[in-house]
Amino acid sequence: MPHTHDVNIGRDEVRKTFVSWSHNEPDREWAALQHLSRHAPGLGPSPIARTEVGGRPTVVMSRVPGTPLAGQLTVAQIRALAAALRRLFDVPVPPELPVRANDPVKFSHRFREWLAVEYDWSQCQDAALVQEAVESARVWLDENPTSNAWIGH
């Protein structure tokens, strides 16, 4: 799959340079950073600038301090993660926020089309397990025709 952006991580900021303007990725990224910064300051990167690098759209944001979590998490880390996720999911999603190229609704339609095709599973390492998963997805989608239930709408 071709990449959509390059990321350069500096000491205090991150530059995300997009391959193209074609799917509104830079607009979506900038709008989401601004929205998150307004509604949950400090939870994620703060927007710094929108610019161009070599004619390509670039979004500059703050670098979030901290160290990667690794191994078994402590109780304090789990609580902090839960609190951060609660803050994130409490942020309202504005209707004017540009929808991403593979938003859940569009993906759901493509996924339904993919599931409608019969495949030769013989090349799968565990063909029975793959067939069972595909059949379960088909049944779930049949039982949830609007399929927006799984994205909270």
N, C-alpha and C. Protein backbone atom coordinates (compact mmCIF):
# COMPACT_ATOMS: atom_id res chain seq x y z
N MET A 1 0.85 -1.17 0.00
CA MET A 1 0.00 0.00 0.00
C MET A 1 0.90 1.24 0.00
N PRO A 2 0.67 2.17 -0.87
CA PRO A 2 1.50 3.38 -0.89
C PRO A 2 1.26 4.21 0.37
N HIS A 3 2.30 4.90 0.80
CA HIS A 3 2.17 5.73 2.00
C HIS A 3 1.50 7.06 1.66
N THR A 4 0.91 7.69 2.67
CA THR A 4 0.21 8.95 2.47
C THR A 4 1.00 10.14 2.96
N HIS A 5 2.04 9.87 3.79
CA HIS A 5 2.79 10.97 4.36
C HIS A 5 4.16 10.51 4.86
N ASP A 6 5.04 11.48 5.04
CA ASP A 6 6.33 11.25 5.68
C ASP A 6 6.30 11.97 7.01
N VAL A 7 6.98 11.42 8.00
CA VAL A 7 7.01 12.04 9.33
C VAL A 7 8.46 12.31 9.72
N ASN A 8 8.72 13.53 10.12
CA ASN A 8 10.04 13.91 10.65
C ASN A 8 9.84 14.32 12.09
N ILE A 9 10.49 13.60 13.00
CA ILE A 9 10.34 13.86 14.42
C ILE A 9 11.55 14.63 14.91
N GLY A 10 11.29 15.83 15.38
CA GLY A 10 12.34 16.67 15.96
C GLY A 10 12.30 16.61 17.46
N ARG A 11 13.13 17.42 18.08
CA ARG A 11 13.20 17.43 19.54
C ARG A 11 11.90 17.94 20.16
N ASP A 12 11.32 19.00 19.58
CA ASP A 12 10.12 19.62 20.15
C ASP A 12 8.90 19.59 19.25
N GLU A 13 9.10 19.22 17.98
CA GLU A 13 7.97 19.23 17.06
C GLU A 13 8.05 18.07 16.08
N VAL A 14 6.89 17.80 15.48
CA VAL A 14 6.77 16.73 14.47
C VAL A 14 6.24 17.38 13.20
N ARG A 15 6.87 17.04 12.06
CA ARG A 15 6.42 17.54 10.76
C ARG A 15 5.86 16.36 9.97
N LYS A 16 4.61 16.49 9.59
CA LYS A 16 3.94 15.45 8.81
C LYS A 16 3.73 16.03 7.41
N THR A 17 4.51 15.53 6.45
CA THR A 17 4.44 16.03 5.08
C THR A 17 3.68 15.02 4.24
N PHE A 18 2.57 15.45 3.69
CA PHE A 18 1.69 14.57 2.93
C PHE A 18 2.17 14.41 1.50
N VAL A 19 1.88 13.27 0.91
CA VAL A 19 2.28 12.97 -0.46
C VAL A 19 1.53 13.85 -1.44
N SER A 20 0.26 14.12 -1.14
CA SER A 20 -0.55 14.93 -2.07
C SER A 20 -1.63 15.67 -1.30
N TRP A 21 -2.35 16.47 -2.02
CA TRP A 21 -3.50 17.20 -1.48
C TRP A 21 -4.80 16.46 -1.78
N SER A 22 -4.73 15.38 -2.53
CA SER A 22 -5.90 14.79 -3.18
C SER A 22 -7.03 14.29 -2.27
N HIS A 23 -6.73 13.85 -1.08
CA HIS A 23 -7.79 13.32 -0.22
C HIS A 23 -8.05 14.20 1.00
N ASN A 24 -7.61 15.45 0.95
CA ASN A 24 -7.81 16.40 2.05
C ASN A 24 -7.17 15.98 3.36
N GLU A 25 -6.16 15.10 3.29
CA GLU A 25 -5.51 14.66 4.53
C GLU A 25 -4.98 15.82 5.36
N PRO A 26 -4.28 16.82 4.73
CA PRO A 26 -3.75 17.91 5.55
C PRO A 26 -4.84 18.73 6.23
N ASP A 27 -5.96 18.97 5.53
CA ASP A 27 -7.07 19.72 6.11
C ASP A 27 -7.68 18.97 7.29
N ARG A 28 -7.85 17.67 7.10
CA ARG A 28 -8.43 16.83 8.16
C ARG A 28 -7.50 16.81 9.37
N GLU A 29 -6.22 16.61 9.12
CA GLU A 29 -5.23 16.55 10.21
C GLU A 29 -5.22 17.87 10.99
N TRP A 30 -5.16 18.99 10.28
CA TRP A 30 -5.11 20.30 10.91
C TRP A 30 -6.38 20.56 11.72
N ALA A 31 -7.53 20.27 11.14
CA ALA A 31 -8.80 20.49 11.84
C ALA A 31 -8.89 19.62 13.08
N ALA A 32 -8.47 18.38 12.98
CA ALA A 32 -8.53 17.47 14.13
C ALA A 32 -7.58 17.92 15.24
N LEU A 33 -6.36 18.35 14.87
CA LEU A 33 -5.41 18.84 15.87
C LEU A 33 -5.96 20.06 16.60
N GLN A 34 -6.54 20.99 15.84
CA GLN A 34 -7.10 22.20 16.45
C GLN A 34 -8.26 21.85 17.38
N HIS A 35 -9.12 20.96 16.91
CA HIS A 35 -10.30 20.57 17.71
C HIS A 35 -9.87 19.87 19.00
N LEU A 36 -8.96 18.92 18.90
CA LEU A 36 -8.51 18.20 20.08
C LEU A 36 -7.81 19.15 21.05
N SER A 37 -7.01 20.05 20.52
CA SER A 37 -6.29 21.01 21.36
C SER A 37 -7.26 21.92 22.12
N ARG A 38 -8.37 22.29 21.48
CA ARG A 38 -9.38 23.14 22.13
C ARG A 38 -10.15 22.38 23.21
N HIS A 39 -10.51 21.13 22.93
CA HIS A 39 -11.40 20.39 23.83
C HIS A 39 -10.69 19.50 24.84
N ALA A 40 -9.43 19.15 24.59
CA ALA A 40 -8.67 18.31 25.53
C ALA A 40 -7.21 18.72 25.48
N PRO A 41 -6.91 19.97 25.87
CA PRO A 41 -5.54 20.45 25.78
C PRO A 41 -4.57 19.55 26.55
N GLY A 42 -3.43 19.30 25.90
CA GLY A 42 -2.40 18.48 26.52
C GLY A 42 -2.56 17.00 26.28
N LEU A 43 -3.70 16.58 25.76
CA LEU A 43 -3.92 15.15 25.54
C LEU A 43 -3.14 14.65 24.33
N GLY A 44 -3.02 15.48 23.31
CA GLY A 44 -2.31 15.09 22.10
C GLY A 44 -1.43 16.24 21.65
N PRO A 45 -0.87 16.13 20.47
CA PRO A 45 -0.03 17.21 19.97
C PRO A 45 -0.84 18.48 19.72
N SER A 46 -0.19 19.61 19.90
CA SER A 46 -0.82 20.90 19.61
C SER A 46 -0.45 21.34 18.20
N PRO A 47 -1.40 21.93 17.48
CA PRO A 47 -1.08 22.41 16.14
C PRO A 47 -0.13 23.60 16.22
N ILE A 48 0.88 23.61 15.34
CA ILE A 48 1.84 24.72 15.31
C ILE A 48 1.71 25.49 14.00
N ALA A 49 1.74 24.78 12.86
CA ALA A 49 1.70 25.48 11.58
C ALA A 49 1.26 24.55 10.46
N ARG A 50 0.69 25.18 9.43
CA ARG A 50 0.42 24.51 8.16
C ARG A 50 1.32 25.17 7.15
N THR A 51 2.05 24.39 6.40
CA THR A 51 3.00 24.94 5.46
C THR A 51 3.16 23.99 4.28
N GLU A 52 4.13 24.26 3.45
CA GLU A 52 4.47 23.37 2.33
C GLU A 52 5.96 23.07 2.37
N VAL A 53 6.30 21.86 2.00
CA VAL A 53 7.69 21.46 1.86
C VAL A 53 7.82 20.84 0.48
N GLY A 54 8.58 21.47 -0.39
CA GLY A 54 8.72 20.96 -1.75
C GLY A 54 7.41 20.88 -2.50
N GLY A 55 6.49 21.82 -2.23
CA GLY A 55 5.19 21.81 -2.89
C GLY A 55 4.21 20.82 -2.29
N ARG A 56 4.61 20.15 -1.21
CA ARG A 56 3.73 19.18 -0.56
C ARG A 56 3.18 19.77 0.74
N PRO A 57 1.90 19.54 1.03
CA PRO A 57 1.31 20.08 2.26
C PRO A 57 1.96 19.46 3.49
N THR A 58 2.22 20.31 4.48
CA THR A 58 2.88 19.86 5.71
C THR A 58 2.15 20.43 6.91
N VAL A 59 1.95 19.59 7.90
CA VAL A 59 1.36 19.99 9.17
C VAL A 59 2.44 19.84 10.23
N VAL A 60 2.66 20.92 10.98
CA VAL A 60 3.65 20.90 12.05
C VAL A 60 2.90 20.92 13.37
N MET A 61 3.28 20.01 14.26
CA MET A 61 2.61 19.88 15.56
C MET A 61 3.66 19.71 16.65
N SER A 62 3.25 19.93 17.88
CA SER A 62 4.17 19.74 18.99
C SER A 62 4.45 18.24 19.16
N ARG A 63 5.60 17.96 19.72
CA ARG A 63 5.93 16.58 20.04
C ARG A 63 5.42 16.31 21.46
N VAL A 64 4.68 15.25 21.62
CA VAL A 64 4.11 14.90 22.92
C VAL A 64 5.22 14.32 23.79
N PRO A 65 5.41 14.88 24.97
CA PRO A 65 6.48 14.35 25.84
C PRO A 65 6.10 12.98 26.40
N GLY A 66 7.12 12.25 26.80
CA GLY A 66 6.88 10.97 27.45
C GLY A 66 7.76 9.89 26.87
N THR A 67 7.58 8.70 27.39
CA THR A 67 8.33 7.54 26.91
C THR A 67 7.33 6.47 26.51
N PRO A 68 7.69 5.65 25.53
CA PRO A 68 6.78 4.58 25.10
C PRO A 68 6.51 3.59 26.24
N LEU A 69 5.28 3.12 26.31
CA LEU A 69 4.94 2.08 27.28
C LEU A 69 5.46 0.75 26.75
N ALA A 70 5.99 -0.04 27.62
CA ALA A 70 6.52 -1.35 27.21
C ALA A 70 6.32 -2.35 28.33
N GLY A 71 6.23 -3.61 27.94
CA GLY A 71 6.08 -4.67 28.93
C GLY A 71 4.75 -4.61 29.64
N GLN A 72 4.71 -5.15 30.83
CA GLN A 72 3.48 -5.17 31.61
C GLN A 72 3.27 -3.79 32.23
N LEU A 73 2.08 -3.26 32.07
CA LEU A 73 1.77 -1.94 32.61
C LEU A 73 1.49 -2.00 34.10
N THR A 74 1.87 -0.94 34.79
CA THR A 74 1.56 -0.84 36.21
C THR A 74 0.10 -0.42 36.36
N VAL A 75 -0.41 -0.54 37.57
CA VAL A 75 -1.78 -0.11 37.84
C VAL A 75 -1.91 1.38 37.57
N ALA A 76 -0.91 2.16 37.96
CA ALA A 76 -0.95 3.61 37.73
C ALA A 76 -0.98 3.93 36.23
N GLN A 77 -0.20 3.18 35.44
CA GLN A 77 -0.19 3.41 33.99
C GLN A 77 -1.53 3.05 33.37
N ILE A 78 -2.13 1.97 33.83
CA ILE A 78 -3.43 1.56 33.31
C ILE A 78 -4.48 2.61 33.65
N ARG A 79 -4.45 3.12 34.87
CA ARG A 79 -5.40 4.16 35.27
C ARG A 79 -5.20 5.43 34.45
N ALA A 80 -3.95 5.81 34.23
CA ALA A 80 -3.66 7.01 33.44
C ALA A 80 -4.12 6.82 32.00
N LEU A 81 -3.89 5.64 31.45
CA LEU A 81 -4.34 5.35 30.09
C LEU A 81 -5.87 5.41 30.01
N ALA A 82 -6.54 4.82 30.98
CA ALA A 82 -8.01 4.85 31.01
C ALA A 82 -8.52 6.29 31.10
N ALA A 83 -7.88 7.10 31.93
CA ALA A 83 -8.30 8.50 32.06
C ALA A 83 -8.09 9.26 30.75
N ALA A 84 -6.96 9.00 30.08
CA ALA A 84 -6.69 9.66 28.80
C ALA A 84 -7.71 9.24 27.75
N LEU A 85 -8.04 7.97 27.71
CA LEU A 85 -9.04 7.50 26.74
C LEU A 85 -10.42 8.08 27.04
N ARG A 86 -10.76 8.20 28.33
CA ARG A 86 -12.04 8.82 28.69
C ARG A 86 -12.07 10.27 28.20
N ARG A 87 -10.98 10.99 28.40
CA ARG A 87 -10.91 12.38 27.91
C ARG A 87 -11.05 12.43 26.40
N LEU A 88 -10.36 11.52 25.72
CA LEU A 88 -10.41 11.50 24.26
C LEU A 88 -11.82 11.23 23.76
N PHE A 89 -12.46 10.22 24.31
CA PHE A 89 -13.79 9.85 23.83
C PHE A 89 -14.88 10.81 24.30
N ASP A 90 -14.56 11.69 25.24
CA ASP A 90 -15.50 12.74 25.64
C ASP A 90 -15.45 13.94 24.71
N VAL A 91 -14.45 14.02 23.85
CA VAL A 91 -14.34 15.14 22.92
C VAL A 91 -15.43 14.96 21.85
N PRO A 92 -16.30 15.97 21.70
CA PRO A 92 -17.35 15.84 20.68
C PRO A 92 -16.75 15.90 19.28
N VAL A 93 -17.29 15.09 18.39
CA VAL A 93 -16.84 15.11 16.99
C VAL A 93 -17.74 16.07 16.24
N PRO A 94 -17.16 17.18 15.77
CA PRO A 94 -18.00 18.16 15.09
C PRO A 94 -18.42 17.66 13.70
N PRO A 95 -19.64 17.94 13.30
CA PRO A 95 -20.10 17.46 12.00
C PRO A 95 -19.32 18.07 10.84
N GLU A 96 -18.71 19.24 11.04
CA GLU A 96 -17.96 19.87 9.95
C GLU A 96 -16.55 19.33 9.80
N LEU A 97 -16.10 18.46 10.73
CA LEU A 97 -14.76 17.88 10.60
C LEU A 97 -14.71 17.03 9.34
N PRO A 98 -13.74 17.30 8.45
CA PRO A 98 -13.68 16.52 7.21
C PRO A 98 -13.56 15.02 7.50
N VAL A 99 -14.28 14.23 6.75
CA VAL A 99 -14.26 12.78 6.92
C VAL A 99 -13.01 12.21 6.26
N ARG A 100 -12.40 11.23 6.90
CA ARG A 100 -11.19 10.64 6.34
C ARG A 100 -11.51 9.76 5.14
N ALA A 101 -10.50 9.51 4.32
CA ALA A 101 -10.69 8.76 3.07
C ALA A 101 -11.29 7.38 3.33
N ASN A 102 -10.87 6.71 4.38
CA ASN A 102 -11.41 5.39 4.70
C ASN A 102 -12.24 5.46 5.97
N ASP A 103 -13.19 6.40 5.99
CA ASP A 103 -14.04 6.51 7.16
C ASP A 103 -14.84 5.22 7.32
N PRO A 104 -15.34 4.95 8.53
CA PRO A 104 -16.03 3.68 8.78
C PRO A 104 -17.20 3.39 7.86
N VAL A 105 -17.96 4.41 7.48
CA VAL A 105 -19.12 4.15 6.62
C VAL A 105 -18.68 3.71 5.23
N LYS A 106 -17.74 4.43 4.63
CA LYS A 106 -17.23 4.02 3.31
C LYS A 106 -16.56 2.66 3.40
N PHE A 107 -15.78 2.46 4.46
CA PHE A 107 -15.11 1.17 4.62
C PHE A 107 -16.13 0.05 4.74
N SER A 108 -17.20 0.31 5.48
CA SER A 108 -18.24 -0.69 5.66
C SER A 108 -18.82 -1.13 4.32
N HIS A 109 -19.05 -0.18 3.41
CA HIS A 109 -19.59 -0.53 2.09
C HIS A 109 -18.58 -1.36 1.29
N ARG A 110 -17.31 -0.95 1.33
CA ARG A 110 -16.28 -1.72 0.61
C ARG A 110 -16.11 -3.10 1.23
N PHE A 111 -16.19 -3.16 2.57
CA PHE A 111 -16.04 -4.42 3.26
C PHE A 111 -17.18 -5.37 2.89
N ARG A 112 -18.40 -4.85 2.82
CA ARG A 112 -19.55 -5.67 2.41
C ARG A 112 -19.32 -6.25 1.01
N GLU A 113 -18.82 -5.40 0.09
CA GLU A 113 -18.54 -5.87 -1.28
C GLU A 113 -17.49 -6.97 -1.26
N TRP A 114 -16.45 -6.78 -0.48
CA TRP A 114 -15.38 -7.77 -0.39
C TRP A 114 -15.91 -9.08 0.19
N LEU A 115 -16.76 -8.99 1.21
CA LEU A 115 -17.30 -10.19 1.84
C LEU A 115 -18.29 -10.93 0.94
N ALA A 116 -18.87 -10.23 -0.03
CA ALA A 116 -19.85 -10.86 -0.92
C ALA A 116 -19.20 -11.80 -1.93
N VAL A 117 -17.91 -11.64 -2.14
CA VAL A 117 -17.19 -12.46 -3.11
C VAL A 117 -16.81 -13.80 -2.47
N GLU A 118 -16.86 -14.87 -3.26
CA GLU A 118 -16.40 -16.18 -2.78
C GLU A 118 -14.92 -16.31 -3.11
N TYR A 119 -14.13 -16.71 -2.15
CA TYR A 119 -12.69 -16.81 -2.31
C TYR A 119 -12.21 -18.25 -2.16
N ASP A 120 -11.03 -18.50 -2.70
CA ASP A 120 -10.34 -19.78 -2.50
C ASP A 120 -9.44 -19.59 -1.28
N TRP A 121 -9.82 -20.20 -0.18
CA TRP A 121 -9.09 -20.02 1.08
C TRP A 121 -7.96 -21.03 1.24
N SER A 122 -7.72 -21.86 0.24
CA SER A 122 -6.75 -22.96 0.38
C SER A 122 -5.33 -22.47 0.67
N GLN A 123 -5.01 -21.24 0.32
CA GLN A 123 -3.66 -20.72 0.57
C GLN A 123 -3.50 -20.17 1.99
N CYS A 124 -4.59 -20.08 2.72
CA CYS A 124 -4.51 -19.56 4.09
C CYS A 124 -3.86 -20.58 5.01
N GLN A 125 -3.13 -20.11 5.98
CA GLN A 125 -2.49 -20.99 6.95
C GLN A 125 -3.53 -21.78 7.74
N ASP A 126 -4.63 -21.12 8.07
CA ASP A 126 -5.72 -21.78 8.78
C ASP A 126 -7.02 -21.42 8.06
N ALA A 127 -7.27 -22.12 6.95
CA ALA A 127 -8.40 -21.80 6.08
C ALA A 127 -9.73 -21.84 6.84
N ALA A 128 -9.90 -22.81 7.71
CA ALA A 128 -11.17 -22.94 8.45
C ALA A 128 -11.40 -21.72 9.35
N LEU A 129 -10.35 -21.25 9.99
CA LEU A 129 -10.47 -20.09 10.87
C LEU A 129 -10.81 -18.84 10.06
N VAL A 130 -10.17 -18.65 8.90
CA VAL A 130 -10.45 -17.50 8.05
C VAL A 130 -11.89 -17.56 7.55
N GLN A 131 -12.32 -18.72 7.09
CA GLN A 131 -13.69 -18.87 6.62
C GLN A 131 -14.69 -18.57 7.73
N GLU A 132 -14.39 -19.04 8.94
CA GLU A 132 -15.28 -18.78 10.08
C GLU A 132 -15.35 -17.27 10.37
N ALA A 133 -14.22 -16.59 10.32
CA ALA A 133 -14.19 -15.15 10.58
C ALA A 133 -14.98 -14.39 9.51
N VAL A 134 -14.79 -14.77 8.25
CA VAL A 134 -15.51 -14.12 7.15
C VAL A 134 -17.00 -14.36 7.29
N GLU A 135 -17.39 -15.57 7.61
CA GLU A 135 -18.80 -15.88 7.76
C GLU A 135 -19.40 -15.11 8.94
N SER A 136 -18.66 -15.00 10.03
CA SER A 136 -19.13 -14.23 11.19
C SER A 136 -19.32 -12.77 10.82
N ALA A 137 -18.40 -12.22 10.04
CA ALA A 137 -18.53 -10.82 9.59
C ALA A 137 -19.76 -10.67 8.70
N ARG A 138 -19.98 -11.63 7.81
CA ARG A 138 -21.16 -11.56 6.93
C ARG A 138 -22.44 -11.57 7.74
N VAL A 139 -22.51 -12.47 8.72
CA VAL A 139 -23.71 -12.57 9.56
C VAL A 139 -23.92 -11.28 10.33
N TRP A 140 -22.85 -10.75 10.93
CA TRP A 140 -22.98 -9.52 11.70
C TRP A 140 -23.46 -8.37 10.83
N LEU A 141 -22.90 -8.24 9.65
CA LEU A 141 -23.32 -7.16 8.75
C LEU A 141 -24.76 -7.36 8.28
N ASP A 142 -25.17 -8.61 8.08
CA ASP A 142 -26.56 -8.87 7.70
C ASP A 142 -27.52 -8.49 8.83
N GLU A 143 -27.10 -8.72 10.06
CA GLU A 143 -27.94 -8.41 11.22
C GLU A 143 -27.91 -6.91 11.57
N ASN A 144 -26.93 -6.19 11.03
CA ASN A 144 -26.77 -4.75 11.30
C ASN A 144 -26.66 -4.01 9.97
N PRO A 145 -27.76 -3.97 9.21
CA PRO A 145 -27.70 -3.44 7.84
C PRO A 145 -27.21 -2.01 7.73
N THR A 146 -27.45 -1.20 8.73
CA THR A 146 -26.94 0.17 8.62
C THR A 146 -25.47 0.23 9.00
N SER A 147 -24.98 -0.75 9.70
CA SER A 147 -23.59 -0.94 10.13
C SER A 147 -22.96 0.28 10.75
N ASN A 148 -23.73 1.32 10.98
CA ASN A 148 -23.18 2.46 11.68
C ASN A 148 -23.18 2.22 13.19
N ALA A 149 -23.81 1.13 13.63
CA ALA A 149 -23.85 0.84 15.04
C ALA A 149 -22.46 0.68 15.62
N TRP A 150 -21.53 0.18 14.82
CA TRP A 150 -20.19 -0.07 15.34
C TRP A 150 -19.32 1.17 15.33
N ILE A 151 -19.81 2.30 14.82
CA ILE A 151 -19.02 3.53 14.87
C ILE A 151 -19.68 4.57 15.76
N GLY A 152 -20.67 4.15 16.49
CA GLY A 152 -21.28 5.05 17.46
C GLY A 152 -22.28 6.04 16.90
N HIS A 153 -22.85 5.79 15.75
CA HIS A 153 -23.85 6.69 15.17
C HIS A 153 -25.22 6.09 15.29
